[in-house]
């Protein structure tokens, strides 16, 4: 099979990534299991030998043509697969059931070993949802909510009437306890200002005889 170095695709049915993965698995297990590794990966030993020779020639051609891209891809895949096998070493049985080497064209199995779920990296957390935009009408005070305060708009000019009366309101006749009767008091009489029955002030105080045995207070 002849191909050019530029845009190289497959050699003996192996891409450069597939070739690097199978090679990493053969190196990971003991040398006594290398043939079994190939069979469990779905590769016949004869086919692997042809692919190994073809890719060795492809690498040599890439170096001669100063086109190392295919070699860089091989080295990257080989290193990535080797690290994965070292961090999560699989058992030989986990590679799959071995194929019959007498099968003419076996279907290749993937050389990628699935990592156990308890060793997988947790999924990336989803970004938080954007904060909702503030509605300027939510906290706005209604125009007709309650009684409006219009004190700032009331004129402060002089009023046509005085705010305080210049003269006190006249007292009713019943609320004048200090009125003095016109007649002169009789000798020894006492001035009575309140009604003894109701306790209300009299309209006109009256003079009355003092009770028996009453002695007027002496002036000091």
C-alpha atoms as a PDB file:
ATOM      1  CA  UNK A   1       0.000   0.000   0.000  1.00  0.00           C
ATOM      2  CA  UNK A   2       1.549   3.272  -1.099  1.00  0.00           C
ATOM      3  CA  UNK A   3       0.544   6.726   0.149  1.00  0.00           C
ATOM      4  CA  UNK A   4       2.168  10.109   0.327  1.00  0.00           C
ATOM      5  CA  UNK A   5       3.323  11.676   3.600  1.00  0.00           C
ATOM      6  CA  UNK A   6       1.123  14.751   3.187  1.00  0.00           C
ATOM      7  CA  UNK A   7      -2.459  14.094   4.263  1.00  0.00           C
ATOM      8  CA  UNK A   8      -1.660  10.518   5.283  1.00  0.00           C
ATOM      9  CA  UNK A   9      -4.744   8.585   6.381  1.00  0.00           C
ATOM     10  CA  UNK A  10      -4.532   4.874   7.164  1.00  0.00           C
ATOM     11  CA  UNK A  11      -1.910   2.183   6.905  1.00  0.00           C
ATOM     12  CA  UNK A  12      -3.146  -1.403   6.797  1.00  0.00           C
ATOM     13  CA  UNK A  13      -6.543  -0.275   8.136  1.00  0.00           C
ATOM     14  CA  UNK A  14      -5.009   1.634  11.078  1.00  0.00           C
ATOM     15  CA  UNK A  15      -5.149   5.367  11.569  1.00  0.00           C
ATOM     16  CA  UNK A  16      -2.206   6.873  13.392  1.00  0.00           C
ATOM     17  CA  UNK A  17      -4.382   7.331  16.526  1.00  0.00           C
ATOM     18  CA  UNK A  18      -5.604   3.712  16.399  1.00  0.00           C
ATOM     19  CA  UNK A  19      -2.050   2.466  15.912  1.00  0.00           C
ATOM     20  CA  UNK A  20      -0.847   4.502  18.941  1.00  0.00           C
ATOM     21  CA  UNK A  21      -3.686   3.216  21.170  1.00  0.00           C
ATOM     22  CA  UNK A  22      -3.039  -0.456  20.376  1.00  0.00           C
ATOM     23  CA  UNK A  23       0.692   0.032  20.870  1.00  0.00           C
ATOM     24  CA  UNK A  24       0.082   1.647  24.300  1.00  0.00           C
ATOM     25  CA  UNK A  25      -2.061  -1.331  25.379  1.00  0.00           C
ATOM     26  CA  UNK A  26       0.605  -3.845  24.271  1.00  0.00           C
ATOM     27  CA  UNK A  27       3.217  -1.972  26.307  1.00  0.00           C
ATOM     28  CA  UNK A  28       0.941  -1.693  29.381  1.00  0.00           C
ATOM     29  CA  UNK A  29       0.500  -5.458  29.880  1.00  0.00           C
ATOM     30  CA  UNK A  30       3.217  -8.028  30.384  1.00  0.00           C
ATOM     31  CA  UNK A  31       5.044  -9.253  27.309  1.00  0.00           C
ATOM     32  CA  UNK A  32       3.545 -12.711  27.762  1.00  0.00           C
ATOM     33  CA  UNK A  33       0.047 -11.254  27.149  1.00  0.00           C
ATOM     34  CA  UNK A  34       0.794  -9.133  24.071  1.00  0.00           C
ATOM     35  CA  UNK A  35      -0.791 -11.566  21.640  1.00  0.00           C
ATOM     36  CA  UNK A  36      -3.866 -11.899  23.860  1.00  0.00           C
ATOM     37  CA  UNK A  37      -4.100  -8.094  24.072  1.00  0.00           C
ATOM     38  CA  UNK A  38      -4.248  -7.889  20.279  1.00  0.00           C
ATOM     39  CA  UNK A  39      -6.932 -10.568  20.070  1.00  0.00           C
ATOM     40  CA  UNK A  40      -9.041  -8.912  22.795  1.00  0.00           C
ATOM     41  CA  UNK A  41      -8.759  -5.613  20.888  1.00  0.00           C
ATOM     42  CA  UNK A  42      -9.972  -7.349  17.719  1.00  0.00           C
ATOM     43  CA  UNK A  43      -6.613  -7.287  15.910  1.00  0.00           C
ATOM     44  CA  UNK A  44      -5.015 -10.344  14.348  1.00  0.00           C
ATOM     45  CA  UNK A  45      -1.261 -10.671  14.991  1.00  0.00           C
ATOM     46  CA  UNK A  46      -0.523 -10.840  11.251  1.00  0.00           C
ATOM     47  CA  UNK A  47      -2.439  -7.672  10.593  1.00  0.00           C
ATOM     48  CA  UNK A  48      -0.671  -5.902  13.445  1.00  0.00           C
ATOM     49  CA  UNK A  49       2.719  -6.883  12.065  1.00  0.00           C
ATOM     50  CA  UNK A  50       1.805  -5.388   8.691  1.00  0.00           C
ATOM     51  CA  UNK A  51       0.486  -2.190  10.290  1.00  0.00           C
ATOM     52  CA  UNK A  52       3.576  -1.874  12.479  1.00  0.00           C
ATOM     53  CA  UNK A  53       5.836  -2.093   9.416  1.00  0.00           C
ATOM     54  CA  UNK A  54       3.679   0.325   7.400  1.00  0.00           C
ATOM     55  CA  UNK A  55       3.628   3.005  10.057  1.00  0.00           C
ATOM     56  CA  UNK A  56       7.349   2.689  10.742  1.00  0.00           C
ATOM     57  CA  UNK A  57       7.917   3.453   7.040  1.00  0.00           C
ATOM     58  CA  UNK A  58       5.420   6.352   7.199  1.00  0.00           C
ATOM     59  CA  UNK A  59       7.281   7.930  10.097  1.00  0.00           C
ATOM     60  CA  UNK A  60      10.578   7.589   8.291  1.00  0.00           C
ATOM     61  CA  UNK A  61       9.116   9.227   5.184  1.00  0.00           C
ATOM     62  CA  UNK A  62       7.702  12.097   7.307  1.00  0.00           C
ATOM     63  CA  UNK A  63      11.108  12.749   8.833  1.00  0.00           C
ATOM     64  CA  UNK A  64      12.798  12.670   5.444  1.00  0.00           C
ATOM     65  CA  UNK A  65      10.240  15.127   4.037  1.00  0.00           C
ATOM     66  CA  UNK A  66      10.517  17.373   7.114  1.00  0.00           C
ATOM     67  CA  UNK A  67       6.787  16.937   7.761  1.00  0.00           C
ATOM     68  CA  UNK A  68       6.548  15.903  11.440  1.00  0.00           C
ATOM     69  CA  UNK A  69       2.791  16.473  11.825  1.00  0.00           C
ATOM     70  CA  UNK A  70       1.923  12.775  11.658  1.00  0.00           C
ATOM     71  CA  UNK A  71       4.644  11.970  14.180  1.00  0.00           C
ATOM     72  CA  UNK A  72       3.321  14.644  16.575  1.00  0.00           C
ATOM     73  CA  UNK A  73      -0.166  13.139  16.383  1.00  0.00           C
ATOM     74  CA  UNK A  74       1.263   9.699  17.126  1.00  0.00           C
ATOM     75  CA  UNK A  75       3.261  10.888  20.134  1.00  0.00           C
ATOM     76  CA  UNK A  76       0.305  12.839  21.587  1.00  0.00           C
ATOM     77  CA  UNK A  77      -2.103   9.888  21.303  1.00  0.00           C
ATOM     78  CA  UNK A  78       0.457   7.437  22.664  1.00  0.00           C
ATOM     79  CA  UNK A  79       1.180   9.631  25.705  1.00  0.00           C
ATOM     80  CA  UNK A  80      -2.511  10.325  26.417  1.00  0.00           C
ATOM     81  CA  UNK A  81      -3.440   6.625  26.244  1.00  0.00           C
ATOM     82  CA  UNK A  82      -0.475   5.597  28.392  1.00  0.00           C
ATOM     83  CA  UNK A  83      -1.451   8.080  31.107  1.00  0.00           C
ATOM     84  CA  UNK A  84      -5.035   6.859  31.110  1.00  0.00           C
ATOM     85  CA  UNK A  85      -3.953   3.235  31.456  1.00  0.00           C
ATOM     86  CA  UNK A  86      -1.625   4.187  34.303  1.00  0.00           C
ATOM     87  CA  UNK A  87      -4.297   6.164  36.205  1.00  0.00           C
ATOM     88  CA  UNK A  88      -7.104   3.638  35.577  1.00  0.00           C
ATOM     89  CA  UNK A  89      -5.356   0.318  34.935  1.00  0.00           C
ATOM     90  CA  UNK A  90      -7.856  -2.159  33.441  1.00  0.00           C
ATOM     91  CA  UNK A  91      -7.835  -5.902  33.843  1.00  0.00           C
ATOM     92  CA  UNK A  92      -7.048  -7.941  30.796  1.00  0.00           C
ATOM     93  CA  UNK A  93     -10.606  -9.309  30.721  1.00  0.00           C
ATOM     94  CA  UNK A  94     -11.987  -5.774  30.460  1.00  0.00           C
ATOM     95  CA  UNK A  95     -10.529  -5.354  26.971  1.00  0.00           C
ATOM     96  CA  UNK A  96     -13.190  -7.660  25.551  1.00  0.00           C
ATOM     97  CA  UNK A  97     -13.573 -11.233  24.406  1.00  0.00           C
ATOM     98  CA  UNK A  98     -10.648 -12.431  22.253  1.00  0.00           C
ATOM     99  CA  UNK A  99     -11.389 -13.032  18.596  1.00  0.00           C
ATOM    100  CA  UNK A 100     -10.580 -16.207  16.721  1.00  0.00           C
ATOM    101  CA  UNK A 101      -7.229 -15.596  14.984  1.00  0.00           C
ATOM    102  CA  UNK A 102      -8.481 -17.705  12.062  1.00  0.00           C
ATOM    103  CA  UNK A 103     -11.265 -15.234  11.333  1.00  0.00           C
ATOM    104  CA  UNK A 104     -10.455 -13.723   7.921  1.00  0.00           C
ATOM    105  CA  UNK A 105     -11.489 -10.070   8.552  1.00  0.00           C
ATOM    106  CA  UNK A 106     -12.471  -9.409  12.191  1.00  0.00           C
ATOM    107  CA  UNK A 107     -14.143  -6.169  13.112  1.00  0.00           C
ATOM    108  CA  UNK A 108     -11.797  -4.049  15.170  1.00  0.00           C
ATOM    109  CA  UNK A 109     -12.826  -3.168  18.663  1.00  0.00           C
ATOM    110  CA  UNK A 110     -12.135   0.194  20.214  1.00  0.00           C
ATOM    111  CA  UNK A 111      -8.979   0.260  22.297  1.00  0.00           C
ATOM    112  CA  UNK A 112     -10.458   2.871  24.645  1.00  0.00           C
ATOM    113  CA  UNK A 113     -11.297   1.380  28.036  1.00  0.00           C
ATOM    114  CA  UNK A 114     -14.318   2.953  29.675  1.00  0.00           C
ATOM    115  CA  UNK A 115     -13.493   4.581  32.999  1.00  0.00           C
ATOM    116  CA  UNK A 116     -15.674   3.384  35.932  1.00  0.00           C
ATOM    117  CA  UNK A 117     -18.415   5.805  36.839  1.00  0.00           C
ATOM    118  CA  UNK A 118     -17.031   6.366  40.346  1.00  0.00           C
ATOM    119  CA  UNK A 119     -13.694   7.493  38.883  1.00  0.00           C
ATOM    120  CA  UNK A 120     -15.091   9.842  36.277  1.00  0.00           C
ATOM    121  CA  UNK A 121     -14.790  13.561  36.647  1.00  0.00           C
ATOM    122  CA  UNK A 122     -18.024  15.205  37.811  1.00  0.00           C
ATOM    123  CA  UNK A 123     -19.888  17.061  35.062  1.00  0.00           C
ATOM    124  CA  UNK A 124     -19.298  20.755  34.863  1.00  0.00           C
ATOM    125  CA  UNK A 125     -21.855  22.733  36.800  1.00  0.00           C
ATOM    126  CA  UNK A 126     -24.263  24.721  34.694  1.00  0.00           C
ATOM    127  CA  UNK A 127     -23.808  28.477  34.918  1.00  0.00           C
ATOM    128  CA  UNK A 128     -26.328  30.216  37.174  1.00  0.00           C
ATOM    129  CA  UNK A 129     -29.275  31.807  35.393  1.00  0.00           C
ATOM    130  CA  UNK A 130     -29.015  35.527  34.833  1.00  0.00           C
ATOM    131  CA  UNK A 131     -30.587  37.710  37.477  1.00  0.00           C
ATOM    132  CA  UNK A 132     -34.016  39.017  36.453  1.00  0.00           C
ATOM    133  CA  UNK A 133     -34.174  42.622  35.461  1.00  0.00           C
ATOM    134  CA  UNK A 134     -35.754  44.934  38.023  1.00  0.00           C
ATOM    135  CA  UNK A 135     -39.191  46.193  37.073  1.00  0.00           C
ATOM    136  CA  UNK A 136     -39.364  49.956  37.757  1.00  0.00           C
ATOM    137  CA  UNK A 137     -43.146  49.735  38.161  1.00  0.00           C
ATOM    138  CA  UNK A 138     -43.169  47.095  40.926  1.00  0.00           C
ATOM    139  CA  UNK A 139     -42.326  49.381  43.875  1.00  0.00           C
ATOM    140  CA  UNK A 140     -43.794  52.513  42.388  1.00  0.00           C
ATOM    141  CA  UNK A 141     -46.365  54.170  44.639  1.00  0.00           C
ATOM    142  CA  UNK A 142     -49.797  54.501  43.014  1.00  0.00           C
ATOM    143  CA  UNK A 143     -50.846  58.063  42.258  1.00  0.00           C
ATOM    144  CA  UNK A 144     -54.247  57.677  43.961  1.00  0.00           C
ATOM    145  CA  UNK A 145     -53.189  55.498  46.893  1.00  0.00           C
ATOM    146  CA  UNK A 146     -54.655  57.072  50.076  1.00  0.00           C
ATOM    147  CA  UNK A 147     -54.796  60.795  50.800  1.00  0.00           C
ATOM    148  CA  UNK A 148     -52.233  62.950  49.072  1.00  0.00           C
ATOM    149  CA  UNK A 149     -50.190  65.375  51.138  1.00  0.00           C
ATOM    150  CA  UNK A 150     -50.761  68.854  49.566  1.00  0.00           C
ATOM    151  CA  UNK A 151     -49.519  70.938  52.474  1.00  0.00           C
ATOM    152  CA  UNK A 152     -46.623  72.164  50.368  1.00  0.00           C
ATOM    153  CA  UNK A 153     -49.083  73.659  47.865  1.00  0.00           C
ATOM    154  CA  UNK A 154     -51.414  75.460  50.339  1.00  0.00           C
ATOM    155  CA  UNK A 155     -50.913  79.278  50.247  1.00  0.00           C
ATOM    156  CA  UNK A 156     -49.620  80.835  53.462  1.00  0.00           C
ATOM    157  CA  UNK A 157     -51.106  84.335  53.124  1.00  0.00           C
ATOM    158  CA  UNK A 158     -52.850  86.310  55.908  1.00  0.00           C
ATOM    159  CA  UNK A 159     -56.300  85.072  56.894  1.00  0.00           C
ATOM    160  CA  UNK A 160     -59.316  87.494  56.959  1.00  0.00           C
ATOM    161  CA  UNK A 161     -59.976  86.721  60.641  1.00  0.00           C
ATOM    162  CA  UNK A 162     -57.691  86.554  63.698  1.00  0.00           C
ATOM    163  CA  UNK A 163     -56.471  83.107  64.655  1.00  0.00           C
ATOM    164  CA  UNK A 164     -56.859  83.935  68.413  1.00  0.00           C
ATOM    165  CA  UNK A 165     -59.799  85.931  69.908  1.00  0.00           C
ATOM    166  CA  UNK A 166     -58.844  89.190  71.603  1.00  0.00           C
ATOM    167  CA  UNK A 167     -61.540  88.793  74.247  1.00  0.00           C
ATOM    168  CA  UNK A 168     -62.482  85.682  76.202  1.00  0.00           C
ATOM    169  CA  UNK A 169     -65.860  84.164  75.618  1.00  0.00           C
ATOM    170  CA  UNK A 170     -68.492  85.243  78.098  1.00  0.00           C
ATOM    171  CA  UNK A 171     -69.090  82.856  80.941  1.00  0.00           C
ATOM    172  CA  UNK A 172     -72.628  81.579  81.535  1.00  0.00           C
ATOM    173  CA  UNK A 173     -74.524  82.856  84.560  1.00  0.00           C
ATOM    174  CA  UNK A 174     -74.337  79.427  86.238  1.00  0.00           C
ATOM    175  CA  UNK A 175     -70.503  79.442  86.036  1.00  0.00           C
ATOM    176  CA  UNK A 176     -70.032  82.728  87.985  1.00  0.00           C
ATOM    177  CA  UNK A 177     -69.276  81.549  91.548  1.00  0.00           C
ATOM    178  CA  UNK A 178     -67.624  84.855  92.476  1.00  0.00           C
ATOM    179  CA  UNK A 179     -70.756  86.997  92.028  1.00  0.00           C
ATOM    180  CA  UNK A 180     -71.611  88.974  95.171  1.00  0.00           C
ATOM    181  CA  UNK A 181     -75.283  89.449  96.198  1.00  0.00           C
ATOM    182  CA  UNK A 182     -76.490  93.025  96.111  1.00  0.00           C
ATOM    183  CA  UNK A 183     -77.952  93.012  99.603  1.00  0.00           C
ATOM    184  CA  UNK A 184     -75.595  93.615 102.531  1.00  0.00           C
ATOM    185  CA  UNK A 185     -74.919  90.545 104.684  1.00  0.00           C
ATOM    186  CA  UNK A 186     -76.682  90.238 108.029  1.00  0.00           C
ATOM    187  CA  UNK A 187     -74.501  90.107 111.144  1.00  0.00           C
ATOM    188  CA  UNK A 188     -72.736  86.755 111.511  1.00  0.00           C
ATOM    189  CA  UNK A 189     -74.146  85.417 108.163  1.00  0.00           C
ATOM    190  CA  UNK A 190     -72.136  83.075 105.991  1.00  0.00           C
ATOM    191  CA  UNK A 191     -71.936  83.404 102.212  1.00  0.00           C
ATOM    192  CA  UNK A 192     -73.017  80.219 100.475  1.00  0.00           C
ATOM    193  CA  UNK A 193     -71.705  79.803  96.894  1.00  0.00           C
ATOM    194  CA  UNK A 194     -72.675  76.186  96.070  1.00  0.00           C
ATOM    195  CA  UNK A 195     -75.871  74.197  96.222  1.00  0.00           C
ATOM    196  CA  UNK A 196     -75.444  71.598  99.022  1.00  0.00           C
ATOM    197  CA  UNK A 197     -77.777  69.179  97.259  1.00  0.00           C
ATOM    198  CA  UNK A 198     -76.147  69.165  93.827  1.00  0.00           C
ATOM    199  CA  UNK A 199     -72.726  70.642  94.497  1.00  0.00           C
ATOM    200  CA  UNK A 200     -73.190  72.990  91.553  1.00  0.00           C
ATOM    201  CA  UNK A 201     -72.304  76.699  91.861  1.00  0.00           C
ATOM    202  CA  UNK A 202     -75.228  78.976  92.557  1.00  0.00           C
ATOM    203  CA  UNK A 203     -76.160  81.625  90.056  1.00  0.00           C
ATOM    204  CA  UNK A 204     -76.231  84.203  92.855  1.00  0.00           C
ATOM    205  CA  UNK A 205     -74.524  83.500  96.203  1.00  0.00           C
ATOM    206  CA  UNK A 206     -76.844  83.845  99.216  1.00  0.00           C
ATOM    207  CA  UNK A 207     -76.309  84.680 102.861  1.00  0.00           C
ATOM    208  CA  UNK A 208     -77.412  82.224 105.454  1.00  0.00           C
ATOM    209  CA  UNK A 209     -77.397  81.862 109.198  1.00  0.00           C
ATOM    210  CA  UNK A 210     -74.411  79.966 110.549  1.00  0.00           C
ATOM    211  CA  UNK A 211     -75.088  76.577 112.123  1.00  0.00           C
ATOM    212  CA  UNK A 212     -75.421  76.387 115.900  1.00  0.00           C
ATOM    213  CA  UNK A 213     -72.123  76.437 117.748  1.00  0.00           C
ATOM    214  CA  UNK A 214     -70.197  77.706 114.757  1.00  0.00           C
ATOM    215  CA  UNK A 215     -67.273  79.897 115.734  1.00  0.00           C
ATOM    216  CA  UNK A 216     -65.728  82.087 113.080  1.00  0.00           C
ATOM    217  CA  UNK A 217     -61.977  81.586 112.571  1.00  0.00           C
ATOM    218  CA  UNK A 218     -59.740  84.034 114.340  1.00  0.00           C
ATOM    219  CA  UNK A 219     -57.409  86.142 112.285  1.00  0.00           C
ATOM    220  CA  UNK A 220     -53.766  85.685 113.187  1.00  0.00           C
END
